[in-house]
Amino acid sequence: LFAGIFMPMVLLLLLIAYFRIKLL
């Protein structure tokens, strides 16, 4: 549950936040 669902979603959200900051 942790490795298959929770971690990929958290990593995806962190990646989106990182690219948003770089774009700004």
PDB file of all heavy atoms in Angstrom:
ATOM      1  N   LEU A   1       0.832  -1.206   0.000  1.00  0.00           N
ATOM      2  CA  LEU A   1       0.000   0.000   0.000  1.00  0.00           C
ATOM      3  C   LEU A   1       0.866   1.254   0.000  1.00  0.00           C
ATOM      4  O   LEU A   1       0.618   2.201  -0.745  1.00  0.00           O
ATOM      5  CB  LEU A   1      -0.921  -0.013   1.232  1.00  0.00           C
ATOM      6  CG  LEU A   1      -1.905   1.132   1.360  1.00  0.00           C
ATOM      7  CD1 LEU A   1      -2.920   1.056   0.235  1.00  0.00           C
ATOM      8  CD2 LEU A   1      -2.599   1.077   2.694  1.00  0.00           C
ATOM      9  N   PHE A   2       1.916   1.243   0.803  1.00  0.00           N
ATOM     10  CA  PHE A   2       2.806   2.392   0.904  1.00  0.00           C
ATOM     11  C   PHE A   2       3.628   2.568  -0.371  1.00  0.00           C
ATOM     12  O   PHE A   2       3.689   3.651  -0.942  1.00  0.00           O
ATOM     13  CB  PHE A   2       3.733   2.230   2.114  1.00  0.00           C
ATOM     14  CG  PHE A   2       4.643   3.391   2.336  1.00  0.00           C
ATOM     15  CD1 PHE A   2       4.159   4.577   2.859  1.00  0.00           C
ATOM     16  CD2 PHE A   2       5.983   3.308   2.004  1.00  0.00           C
ATOM     17  CE1 PHE A   2       4.991   5.655   3.061  1.00  0.00           C
ATOM     18  CE2 PHE A   2       6.822   4.391   2.201  1.00  0.00           C
ATOM     19  CZ  PHE A   2       6.331   5.562   2.732  1.00  0.00           C
ATOM     20  N   ALA A   3       4.277   1.490  -0.828  1.00  0.00           N
ATOM     21  CA  ALA A   3       5.191   1.576  -1.972  1.00  0.00           C
ATOM     22  C   ALA A   3       4.461   1.668  -3.304  1.00  0.00           C
ATOM     23  O   ALA A   3       4.962   2.261  -4.250  1.00  0.00           O
ATOM     24  CB  ALA A   3       6.125   0.366  -1.979  1.00  0.00           C
ATOM     25  N   GLY A   4       3.284   1.120  -3.395  1.00  0.00           N
ATOM     26  CA  GLY A   4       2.592   1.074  -4.679  1.00  0.00           C
ATOM     27  C   GLY A   4       1.614   2.197  -4.924  1.00  0.00           C
ATOM     28  O   GLY A   4       1.290   2.504  -6.070  1.00  0.00           O
ATOM     29  N   ILE A   5       1.129   2.801  -3.849  1.00  0.00           N
ATOM     30  CA  ILE A   5       0.114   3.838  -4.027  1.00  0.00           C
ATOM     31  C   ILE A   5       0.571   5.171  -3.460  1.00  0.00           C
ATOM     32  O   ILE A   5       0.573   6.192  -4.150  1.00  0.00           O
ATOM     33  CB  ILE A   5      -1.225   3.406  -3.371  1.00  0.00           C
ATOM     34  CG1 ILE A   5      -1.747   2.151  -4.065  1.00  0.00           C
ATOM     35  CG2 ILE A   5      -2.242   4.523  -3.433  1.00  0.00           C
ATOM     36  CD1 ILE A   5      -2.938   1.522  -3.382  1.00  0.00           C
ATOM     37  N   PHE A   6       0.987   5.174  -2.215  1.00  0.00           N
ATOM     38  CA  PHE A   6       1.298   6.422  -1.534  1.00  0.00           C
ATOM     39  C   PHE A   6       2.563   7.081  -2.080  1.00  0.00           C
ATOM     40  O   PHE A   6       2.566   8.274  -2.409  1.00  0.00           O
ATOM     41  CB  PHE A   6       1.436   6.170  -0.021  1.00  0.00           C
ATOM     42  CG  PHE A   6       1.753   7.391   0.768  1.00  0.00           C
ATOM     43  CD1 PHE A   6       0.796   8.377   0.949  1.00  0.00           C
ATOM     44  CD2 PHE A   6       3.005   7.576   1.324  1.00  0.00           C
ATOM     45  CE1 PHE A   6       1.077   9.514   1.678  1.00  0.00           C
ATOM     46  CE2 PHE A   6       3.298   8.706   2.055  1.00  0.00           C
ATOM     47  CZ  PHE A   6       2.334   9.673   2.229  1.00  0.00           C
ATOM     48  N   MET A   7       3.646   6.332  -2.193  1.00  0.00           N
ATOM     49  CA  MET A   7       4.926   6.904  -2.635  1.00  0.00           C
ATOM     50  C   MET A   7       4.879   7.474  -4.055  1.00  0.00           C
ATOM     51  O   MET A   7       5.350   8.590  -4.278  1.00  0.00           O
ATOM     52  CB  MET A   7       6.040   5.858  -2.517  1.00  0.00           C
ATOM     53  CG  MET A   7       6.557   5.703  -1.115  1.00  0.00           C
ATOM     54  SD  MET A   7       7.257   7.217  -0.466  1.00  0.00           S
ATOM     55  CE  MET A   7       8.766   7.292  -1.372  1.00  0.00           C
ATOM     56  N   PRO A   8       4.334   6.769  -5.039  1.00  0.00           N
ATOM     57  CA  PRO A   8       4.294   7.369  -6.387  1.00  0.00           C
ATOM     58  C   PRO A   8       3.492   8.671  -6.446  1.00  0.00           C
ATOM     59  O   PRO A   8       3.879   9.605  -7.141  1.00  0.00           O
ATOM     60  CB  PRO A   8       3.623   6.291  -7.246  1.00  0.00           C
ATOM     61  CG  PRO A   8       3.857   5.032  -6.524  1.00  0.00           C
ATOM     62  CD  PRO A   8       3.881   5.370  -5.076  1.00  0.00           C
ATOM     63  N   MET A   9       2.404   8.744  -5.682  1.00  0.00           N
ATOM     64  CA  MET A   9       1.608   9.975  -5.695  1.00  0.00           C
ATOM     65  C   MET A   9       2.367  11.127  -5.048  1.00  0.00           C
ATOM     66  O   MET A   9       2.337  12.251  -5.546  1.00  0.00           O
ATOM     67  CB  MET A   9       0.268   9.748  -4.971  1.00  0.00           C
ATOM     68  CG  MET A   9      -0.661   8.816  -5.714  1.00  0.00           C
ATOM     69  SD  MET A   9      -1.003   9.340  -7.402  1.00  0.00           S
ATOM     70  CE  MET A   9      -1.827  10.872  -7.126  1.00  0.00           C
ATOM     71  N   VAL A  10       3.066  10.852  -3.951  1.00  0.00           N
ATOM     72  CA  VAL A  10       3.841  11.899  -3.292  1.00  0.00           C
ATOM     73  C   VAL A  10       4.970  12.370  -4.201  1.00  0.00           C
ATOM     74  O   VAL A  10       5.226  13.579  -4.341  1.00  0.00           O
ATOM     75  CB  VAL A  10       4.392  11.399  -1.939  1.00  0.00           C
ATOM     76  CG1 VAL A  10       5.421  12.352  -1.376  1.00  0.00           C
ATOM     77  CG2 VAL A  10       3.252  11.201  -0.957  1.00  0.00           C
ATOM     78  N   LEU A  11       5.647  11.429  -4.852  1.00  0.00           N
ATOM     79  CA  LEU A  11       6.737  11.800  -5.755  1.00  0.00           C
ATOM     80  C   LEU A  11       6.228  12.608  -6.949  1.00  0.00           C
ATOM     81  O   LEU A  11       6.877  13.563  -7.379  1.00  0.00           O
ATOM     82  CB  LEU A  11       7.484  10.557  -6.233  1.00  0.00           C
ATOM     83  CG  LEU A  11       8.282   9.833  -5.150  1.00  0.00           C
ATOM     84  CD1 LEU A  11       8.863   8.532  -5.704  1.00  0.00           C
ATOM     85  CD2 LEU A  11       9.378  10.717  -4.604  1.00  0.00           C
ATOM     86  N   LEU A  12       5.080  12.246  -7.454  1.00  0.00           N
ATOM     87  CA  LEU A  12       4.497  13.001  -8.562  1.00  0.00           C
ATOM     88  C   LEU A  12       4.159  14.423  -8.140  1.00  0.00           C
ATOM     89  O   LEU A  12       4.440  15.387  -8.864  1.00  0.00           O
ATOM     90  CB  LEU A  12       3.248  12.288  -9.083  1.00  0.00           C
ATOM     91  CG  LEU A  12       2.511  12.970 -10.225  1.00  0.00           C
ATOM     92  CD1 LEU A  12       3.396  13.010 -11.472  1.00  0.00           C
ATOM     93  CD2 LEU A  12       1.212  12.273 -10.522  1.00  0.00           C
ATOM     94  N   LEU A  13       3.572  14.584  -6.959  1.00  0.00           N
ATOM     95  CA  LEU A  13       3.239  15.922  -6.475  1.00  0.00           C
ATOM     96  C   LEU A  13       4.484  16.754  -6.212  1.00  0.00           C
ATOM     97  O   LEU A  13       4.519  17.956  -6.504  1.00  0.00           O
ATOM     98  CB  LEU A  13       2.386  15.827  -5.217  1.00  0.00           C
ATOM     99  CG  LEU A  13       0.972  15.280  -5.421  1.00  0.00           C
ATOM    100  CD1 LEU A  13       0.280  15.076  -4.088  1.00  0.00           C
ATOM    101  CD2 LEU A  13       0.163  16.191  -6.307  1.00  0.00           C
ATOM    102  N   LEU A  14       5.531  16.126  -5.689  1.00  0.00           N
ATOM    103  CA  LEU A  14       6.789  16.846  -5.478  1.00  0.00           C
ATOM    104  C   LEU A  14       7.422  17.268  -6.798  1.00  0.00           C
ATOM    105  O   LEU A  14       7.971  18.366  -6.913  1.00  0.00           O
ATOM    106  CB  LEU A  14       7.765  15.978  -4.682  1.00  0.00           C
ATOM    107  CG  LEU A  14       7.442  15.798  -3.201  1.00  0.00           C
ATOM    108  CD1 LEU A  14       8.394  14.794  -2.575  1.00  0.00           C
ATOM    109  CD2 LEU A  14       7.504  17.122  -2.479  1.00  0.00           C
ATOM    110  N   LEU A  15       7.337  16.415  -7.790  1.00  0.00           N
ATOM    111  CA  LEU A  15       7.878  16.743  -9.111  1.00  0.00           C
ATOM    112  C   LEU A  15       7.121  17.908  -9.734  1.00  0.00           C
ATOM    113  O   LEU A  15       7.720  18.821 -10.314  1.00  0.00           O
ATOM    114  CB  LEU A  15       7.804  15.507 -10.011  1.00  0.00           C
ATOM    115  CG  LEU A  15       8.530  15.567 -11.328  1.00  0.00           C
ATOM    116  CD1 LEU A  15      10.035  15.678 -11.088  1.00  0.00           C
ATOM    117  CD2 LEU A  15       8.236  14.328 -12.141  1.00  0.00           C
ATOM    118  N   ILE A  16       5.820  17.911  -9.605  1.00  0.00           N
ATOM    119  CA  ILE A  16       5.014  19.019 -10.129  1.00  0.00           C
ATOM    120  C   ILE A  16       5.370  20.319  -9.418  1.00  0.00           C
ATOM    121  O   ILE A  16       5.524  21.373 -10.054  1.00  0.00           O
ATOM    122  CB  ILE A  16       3.509  18.701  -9.987  1.00  0.00           C
ATOM    123  CG1 ILE A  16       3.122  17.585 -10.956  1.00  0.00           C
ATOM    124  CG2 ILE A  16       2.661  19.940 -10.232  1.00  0.00           C
ATOM    125  CD1 ILE A  16       1.734  17.038 -10.734  1.00  0.00           C
ATOM    126  N   ALA A  17       5.523  20.269  -8.097  1.00  0.00           N
ATOM    127  CA  ALA A  17       5.884  21.466  -7.335  1.00  0.00           C
ATOM    128  C   ALA A  17       7.269  21.980  -7.733  1.00  0.00           C
ATOM    129  O   ALA A  17       7.482  23.187  -7.866  1.00  0.00           O
ATOM    130  CB  ALA A  17       5.837  21.165  -5.837  1.00  0.00           C
ATOM    131  N   TYR A  18       8.219  21.063  -7.944  1.00  0.00           N
ATOM    132  CA  TYR A  18       9.574  21.450  -8.340  1.00  0.00           C
ATOM    133  C   TYR A  18       9.566  22.169  -9.684  1.00  0.00           C
ATOM    134  O   TYR A  18      10.173  23.230  -9.843  1.00  0.00           O
ATOM    135  CB  TYR A  18      10.466  20.209  -8.405  1.00  0.00           C
ATOM    136  CG  TYR A  18      11.823  20.468  -8.974  1.00  0.00           C
ATOM    137  CD1 TYR A  18      12.806  21.078  -8.219  1.00  0.00           C
ATOM    138  CD2 TYR A  18      12.134  20.101 -10.281  1.00  0.00           C
ATOM    139  CE1 TYR A  18      14.064  21.328  -8.742  1.00  0.00           C
ATOM    140  CE2 TYR A  18      13.385  20.346 -10.812  1.00  0.00           C
ATOM    141  CZ  TYR A  18      14.346  20.951 -10.041  1.00  0.00           C
ATOM    142  OH  TYR A  18      15.585  21.195 -10.567  1.00  0.00           O
ATOM    143  N   PHE A  19       8.880  21.611 -10.673  1.00  0.00           N
ATOM    144  CA  PHE A  19       8.846  22.239 -11.993  1.00  0.00           C
ATOM    145  C   PHE A  19       8.086  23.557 -11.971  1.00  0.00           C
ATOM    146  O   PHE A  19       8.400  24.475 -12.725  1.00  0.00           O
ATOM    147  CB  PHE A  19       8.266  21.286 -13.036  1.00  0.00           C
ATOM    148  CG  PHE A  19       9.242  20.243 -13.482  1.00  0.00           C
ATOM    149  CD1 PHE A  19       8.954  18.900 -13.369  1.00  0.00           C
ATOM    150  CD2 PHE A  19      10.477  20.605 -13.996  1.00  0.00           C
ATOM    151  CE1 PHE A  19       9.854  17.936 -13.772  1.00  0.00           C
ATOM    152  CE2 PHE A  19      11.389  19.650 -14.413  1.00  0.00           C
ATOM    153  CZ  PHE A  19      11.075  18.319 -14.295  1.00  0.00           C
ATOM    154  N   ARG A  20       7.091  23.681 -11.108  1.00  0.00           N
ATOM    155  CA  ARG A  20       6.374  24.951 -10.984  1.00  0.00           C
ATOM    156  C   ARG A  20       7.303  26.036 -10.447  1.00  0.00           C
ATOM    157  O   ARG A  20       7.314  27.167 -10.943  1.00  0.00           O
ATOM    158  CB  ARG A  20       5.178  24.775 -10.062  1.00  0.00           C
ATOM    159  CG  ARG A  20       4.340  26.011  -9.921  1.00  0.00           C
ATOM    160  CD  ARG A  20       3.112  25.737  -9.059  1.00  0.00           C
ATOM    161  NE  ARG A  20       2.345  26.940  -8.895  1.00  0.00           N
ATOM    162  CZ  ARG A  20       2.502  27.812  -7.894  1.00  0.00           C
ATOM    163  NH1 ARG A  20       3.419  27.586  -6.983  1.00  0.00           N
ATOM    164  NH2 ARG A  20       1.773  28.878  -7.810  1.00  0.00           N
ATOM    165  N   ILE A  21       8.105  25.695  -9.445  1.00  0.00           N
ATOM    166  CA  ILE A  21       9.057  26.660  -8.884  1.00  0.00           C
ATOM    167  C   ILE A  21      10.096  27.059  -9.930  1.00  0.00           C
ATOM    168  O   ILE A  21      10.425  28.236 -10.081  1.00  0.00           O
ATOM    169  CB  ILE A  21       9.726  26.062  -7.629  1.00  0.00           C
ATOM    170  CG1 ILE A  21       8.702  25.969  -6.498  1.00  0.00           C
ATOM    171  CG2 ILE A  21      10.925  26.897  -7.194  1.00  0.00           C
ATOM    172  CD1 ILE A  21       9.174  25.168  -5.304  1.00  0.00           C
ATOM    173  N   LYS A  22      10.608  26.086 -10.682  1.00  0.00           N
ATOM    174  CA  LYS A  22      11.594  26.389 -11.723  1.00  0.00           C
ATOM    175  C   LYS A  22      10.992  27.278 -12.805  1.00  0.00           C
ATOM    176  O   LYS A  22      11.643  28.184 -13.322  1.00  0.00           O
ATOM    177  CB  LYS A  22      12.138  25.097 -12.343  1.00  0.00           C
ATOM    178  CG  LYS A  22      13.072  24.353 -11.440  1.00  0.00           C
ATOM    179  CD  LYS A  22      14.308  25.189 -11.203  1.00  0.00           C
ATOM    180  CE  LYS A  22      15.257  24.528 -10.270  1.00  0.00           C
ATOM    181  NZ  LYS A  22      16.401  25.361  -9.938  1.00  0.00           N
ATOM    182  N   LEU A  23       9.749  27.036 -13.175  1.00  0.00           N
ATOM    183  CA  LEU A  23       9.094  27.847 -14.190  1.00  0.00           C
ATOM    184  C   LEU A  23       8.919  29.281 -13.716  1.00  0.00           C
ATOM    185  O   LEU A  23       9.125  30.233 -14.484  1.00  0.00           O
ATOM    186  CB  LEU A  23       7.742  27.244 -14.555  1.00  0.00           C
ATOM    187  CG  LEU A  23       6.949  27.951 -15.643  1.00  0.00           C
ATOM    188  CD1 LEU A  23       7.720  27.922 -16.951  1.00  0.00           C
ATOM    189  CD2 LEU A  23       5.603  27.317 -15.810  1.00  0.00           C
ATOM    190  N   LEU A  24       8.569  29.468 -12.460  1.00  0.00           N
ATOM    191  CA  LEU A  24       8.440  30.822 -11.910  1.00  0.00           C
ATOM    192  C   LEU A  24       9.785  31.533 -11.903  1.00  0.00           C
ATOM    193  O   LEU A  24       9.862  32.732 -12.194  1.00  0.00           O
ATOM    194  CB  LEU A  24       7.861  30.766 -10.502  1.00  0.00           C
ATOM    195  CG  LEU A  24       6.387  30.355 -10.403  1.00  0.00           C
ATOM    196  CD1 LEU A  24       5.983  30.195  -8.946  1.00  0.00           C
ATOM    197  CD2 LEU A  24       5.508  31.359 -11.104  1.00  0.00           C
TER     198      LEU A  24
END
